Protein backbone atom coordinates (compact mmCIF):
# COMPACT_ATOMS: atom_id res chain seq x y z
CA MET A 1 6.26 2.68 14.41
CA VAL A 2 3.45 0.18 13.73
CA VAL A 3 5.66 -1.87 11.38
CA GLY A 4 8.40 -1.90 14.00
CA LEU A 5 6.00 -3.24 16.62
CA MET A 6 4.78 -5.95 14.22
CA GLN A 7 8.38 -6.97 13.53
CA LEU A 8 8.74 -7.43 17.29
CA GLY A 9 5.59 -9.57 17.33
CA ILE A 10 3.24 -6.92 18.75
CA SER A 11 -0.06 -6.43 16.95
CA LEU A 12 -2.28 -3.38 17.25
CA LYS A 13 -5.92 -4.39 16.75
CA GLY A 14 -5.08 -7.17 14.32
CA SER A 15 -2.29 -5.50 12.36
CA ARG A 16 -0.05 -7.83 10.37
CA ILE A 17 2.54 -7.60 7.65
CA LEU A 18 1.18 -8.93 4.37
CA GLU A 19 3.68 -10.71 2.16
CA VAL A 20 2.67 -11.27 -1.47
CA ARG A 21 4.75 -12.03 -4.59
CA GLY A 22 5.39 -9.11 -6.92
CA ARG A 23 3.67 -9.53 -10.26
CA SER A 24 6.74 -8.44 -12.26
CA THR A 25 9.71 -9.60 -10.20
CA GLY A 26 8.26 -12.54 -8.30
CA LEU A 27 10.00 -11.19 -5.20
CA ALA A 28 8.19 -11.02 -1.87
CA ARG A 29 6.61 -7.60 -1.28
CA ARG A 30 5.60 -6.59 2.24
CA THR A 31 3.07 -4.07 3.48
CA PRO A 32 1.26 -3.48 6.78
CA VAL A 33 -2.44 -4.40 6.79
CA ASN A 34 -5.32 -4.56 9.25
CA LEU A 35 -6.63 -8.11 9.57
CA LEU A 36 -10.37 -8.22 10.22
CA ARG A 37 -12.18 -11.13 11.81
CA HIS A 38 -15.89 -11.02 11.14
CA GLY A 39 -18.59 -13.67 11.10
CA GLY A 40 -16.09 -16.49 11.59
CA ASN A 41 -13.93 -15.39 8.64
CA GLU A 42 -10.70 -13.45 8.21
CA TYR A 43 -10.60 -10.56 5.74
CA LEU A 44 -8.19 -8.07 4.25
CA VAL A 45 -9.72 -4.78 3.13
CA SER A 46 -7.86 -2.27 0.99
CA PRO A 47 -8.89 1.17 2.25
CA ARG A 48 -6.75 2.86 -0.41
CA GLY A 49 -8.32 0.94 -3.30
CA ASN A 50 -6.39 -0.85 -6.05
CA THR A 51 -2.98 -0.59 -4.43
CA GLN A 52 0.16 -2.48 -5.43
CA TRP A 53 -0.54 -5.30 -2.96
CA VAL A 54 -4.03 -5.71 -4.43
CA ARG A 55 -2.66 -5.81 -7.99
CA ASN A 56 0.02 -8.31 -6.98
CA LEU A 57 -2.54 -10.51 -5.26
CA ARG A 58 -4.90 -10.43 -8.23
CA ALA A 59 -2.07 -11.27 -10.64
CA GLY A 60 -0.88 -14.16 -8.50
CA ASP A 61 -2.44 -17.39 -7.42
CA GLY A 62 -4.10 -16.03 -4.28
CA ARG A 63 -1.37 -17.26 -1.93
CA ILE A 64 -0.23 -14.82 0.74
CA THR A 65 1.61 -14.92 4.03
CA LEU A 66 0.71 -12.89 7.10
CA VAL A 67 3.62 -12.10 9.39
CA LEU A 68 3.82 -11.02 13.01
CA GLY A 69 7.28 -11.09 14.53
CA ARG A 70 8.76 -14.49 13.71
CA ARG A 71 5.37 -16.12 13.22
CA ARG A 72 4.07 -16.69 9.71
CA TRP A 73 0.67 -17.89 8.51
CA ASP A 74 0.04 -18.99 4.94
CA ARG A 75 -3.35 -18.09 3.59
CA ARG A 76 -5.35 -18.25 0.39
CA ALA A 77 -7.09 -14.97 -0.49
CA ASP A 78 -10.28 -14.92 -2.56
CA GLU A 79 -11.81 -11.63 -3.65
CA VAL A 80 -15.26 -10.83 -2.30
CA PRO A 81 -17.82 -9.64 -4.90
CA ASP A 82 -19.17 -6.10 -4.45
CA GLU A 83 -22.65 -7.31 -3.51
CA GLU A 84 -21.22 -9.20 -0.50
CA LYS A 85 -19.08 -6.38 0.90
CA LEU A 86 -21.50 -4.29 2.99
CA GLU A 87 -21.28 -6.10 6.33
CA VAL A 88 -17.52 -6.54 6.01
CA LEU A 89 -17.12 -2.82 5.28
CA ARG A 90 -19.26 -1.99 8.32
CA ALA A 91 -17.14 -4.20 10.57
CA TYR A 92 -13.93 -2.76 9.14
CA LEU A 93 -15.11 0.81 9.68
CA ARG A 94 -16.24 -0.06 13.22
CA ASN A 95 -12.67 -1.10 14.00
CA TRP A 96 -10.56 1.35 11.98
CA LYS A 97 -12.65 4.40 10.97
CA VAL A 98 -10.36 6.77 12.89
CA GLU A 99 -7.35 5.43 11.00
CA VAL A 100 -8.84 5.02 7.50
CA GLY A 101 -12.15 6.93 7.40
CA ALA A 102 -10.87 9.52 4.94
CA PHE A 103 -10.40 6.80 2.32
CA PHE A 104 -14.10 5.86 2.64
CA ASP A 105 -15.49 9.34 1.86
CA GLY A 106 -15.83 9.92 5.62
CA LEU A 107 -18.46 7.17 5.92
CA GLY A 108 -18.71 5.19 9.13
CA ALA A 109 -20.15 1.87 10.22
CA ASP A 110 -23.57 3.49 10.62
CA ALA A 111 -23.75 4.71 7.01
CA PRO A 112 -26.84 3.73 4.99
CA ASP A 113 -26.54 0.61 2.83
CA LEU A 114 -26.89 2.72 -0.32
CA GLU A 115 -23.84 4.82 0.60
CA LEU A 116 -21.70 1.81 1.44
CA ALA A 117 -22.81 0.09 -1.78
CA ARG A 118 -21.75 3.22 -3.68
CA ILE A 119 -18.15 3.05 -2.40
CA ALA A 120 -17.82 -0.75 -2.21
CA PRO A 121 -16.39 -1.18 -5.75
CA ARG A 122 -13.47 1.13 -4.84
CA HIS A 123 -12.36 -1.05 -1.91
CA PRO A 124 -11.18 -4.58 -2.71
CA ILE A 125 -11.88 -7.13 0.02
CA PHE A 126 -10.33 -10.58 0.26
CA ARG A 127 -11.66 -13.49 2.34
CA LEU A 128 -8.81 -15.55 3.73
CA SER A 129 -8.66 -19.26 4.28
CA ALA A 130 -5.93 -21.58 5.50
CA PRO A 131 -4.52 -23.83 2.78
CA PRO A 132 -5.01 -27.56 3.45
CA GLY A 133 -2.35 -28.86 5.81
CA SER A 134 -1.17 -25.41 6.91
CA GLY A 135 -2.68 -25.81 10.36
CA GLY A 136 -3.35 -23.23 13.00
CA THR A 137 -5.37 -20.09 13.14
CA LEU A 138 -4.15 -16.59 13.64
CA PRO A 139 -4.02 -15.29 17.22
CA ALA A 140 -7.35 -13.79 18.27
CA ASP A 141 -6.27 -10.19 18.77
CA ALA A 142 -8.38 -8.70 15.97
CA ALA A 143 -11.76 -7.58 17.21
CA GLU A 144 -14.78 -9.12 15.57
């Protein structure tokens, strides 16, 4: 249902369709993601860990496309080191704990730093930036 809404151009709390090139075929692979805006940056967090989209992104050149309806935004994705993940994880859990909390050992945004640091290596996070000349920012429907 969520993917269908995104194809119609309707986002739920920042949901988008991530398009990334497959590492074997080179074909575009699509998956729904929750876009997070936090501290003036855009992030993608993988609640399920080292998924196929994460592997494809790591194997590629960092170029992705976010899709909502007919709108498309090119982005560059750079992986965030584990030691910089805590505040991003907190913000992500604040927004989507009900949806993804089970993948984070049941931890929430109020978890102690030590607990979040323990699970941080299992959850890849990518900071997004617009490539030069791409223009435009994503619509501001993702809560900060």
